[in-house]
Amino acid sequence: MPGYLLIVRRDQPSLCDYLRRNFAGDNKTQVLLDRRRGERRQKVQPHEPERRRGERRQRREIEQDLWYRSVVIIRTEE
């Protein structure tokens, strides 16, 4: 069954609290406040080849959506 992840823009903590209260009884929905602040890798260093087949996060699309909206809803597979 699908679940949902609601990511709330960092400058909207009261909205995040509101959504957490409203979805408290729904075990298929998780509400998170966006904590990302940029790329984690700061230095360009040689590293092992990427083992993942694709980007795990839809980072770029989420960042763009959060720029225009207060909440991004992502459908997840359980």
Protein backbone atom coordinates (compact mmCIF):
# COMPACT_ATOMS: atom_id res chain seq x y z
CA MET A 1 0.00 0.00 0.00
CA PRO A 2 1.25 3.49 -0.70
CA GLY A 3 2.14 5.90 2.06
CA TYR A 4 2.81 9.60 2.04
CA LEU A 5 5.66 11.81 3.15
CA LEU A 6 4.82 15.47 3.68
CA ILE A 7 7.88 17.73 3.67
CA VAL A 8 7.21 21.17 5.10
CA ARG A 9 9.33 24.19 4.24
CA ARG A 10 11.89 25.04 6.93
CA ASP A 11 10.42 28.47 7.67
CA GLN A 12 6.97 26.97 8.41
CA PRO A 13 7.40 25.10 11.74
CA SER A 14 3.87 25.98 12.91
CA LEU A 15 2.42 24.45 9.74
CA CYS A 16 4.51 21.34 10.37
CA ASP A 17 3.14 21.07 13.92
CA TYR A 18 -0.40 21.53 12.62
CA LEU A 19 0.00 18.78 10.02
CA ARG A 20 1.63 16.43 12.54
CA ARG A 21 -1.36 16.84 14.85
CA ASN A 22 -3.83 16.27 12.03
CA PHE A 23 -2.06 13.16 10.72
CA ALA A 24 -1.15 11.76 14.16
CA GLY A 25 -3.52 8.81 13.82
CA ASP A 26 -2.54 8.01 10.22
CA ASN A 27 0.31 5.50 10.25
CA LYS A 28 0.73 5.78 6.46
CA THR A 29 1.57 9.49 6.57
CA GLN A 30 4.76 11.03 7.93
CA VAL A 31 5.27 14.80 8.31
CA LEU A 32 8.82 16.21 8.33
CA LEU A 33 10.28 19.69 8.53
CA ASP A 34 12.85 20.18 5.75
CA ARG A 35 16.30 20.15 7.35
CA ARG A 36 18.45 20.24 4.25
CA ARG A 37 20.74 23.22 3.88
CA GLY A 38 22.65 22.38 0.71
CA GLU A 39 25.01 19.79 -0.62
CA ARG A 40 26.65 17.65 2.02
CA ARG A 41 29.85 17.12 0.08
CA GLN A 42 31.79 20.34 0.34
CA LYS A 43 35.16 19.26 -1.03
CA VAL A 44 35.82 17.64 -4.35
CA GLN A 45 37.77 14.54 -3.47
CA PRO A 46 38.34 11.35 -5.37
CA HIS A 47 35.92 8.69 -4.22
CA GLU A 48 34.73 5.27 -5.14
CA PRO A 49 32.44 5.04 -8.16
CA GLU A 50 28.78 5.58 -7.32
CA ARG A 51 27.13 2.26 -6.49
CA ARG A 52 23.55 3.48 -6.57
CA ARG A 53 21.63 3.05 -9.77
CA GLY A 54 19.90 6.38 -9.43
CA GLU A 55 19.45 9.33 -7.17
CA ARG A 56 17.65 8.17 -4.04
CA ARG A 57 16.22 11.57 -3.38
CA GLN A 58 14.29 13.73 -5.73
CA ARG A 59 16.30 16.59 -4.33
CA ARG A 60 16.16 19.12 -7.16
CA GLU A 61 12.41 18.79 -7.71
CA ILE A 62 11.66 18.98 -3.99
CA GLU A 63 13.80 22.09 -3.56
CA GLN A 64 12.03 23.80 -6.45
CA ASP A 65 8.59 22.83 -5.15
CA LEU A 66 9.41 24.02 -1.62
CA TRP A 67 10.54 27.35 -3.06
CA TYR A 68 7.00 27.97 -4.37
CA ARG A 69 4.91 25.97 -1.91
CA SER A 70 4.94 25.35 1.83
CA VAL A 71 4.45 21.59 1.59
CA VAL A 72 5.57 18.88 -0.83
CA ILE A 73 3.73 15.54 -0.78
CA ILE A 74 5.67 12.47 -1.88
CA ARG A 75 4.01 9.14 -2.44
CA THR A 76 6.03 6.26 -1.03
CA GLU A 77 5.79 2.50 -1.43
CA GLU A 78 5.54 0.52 1.78
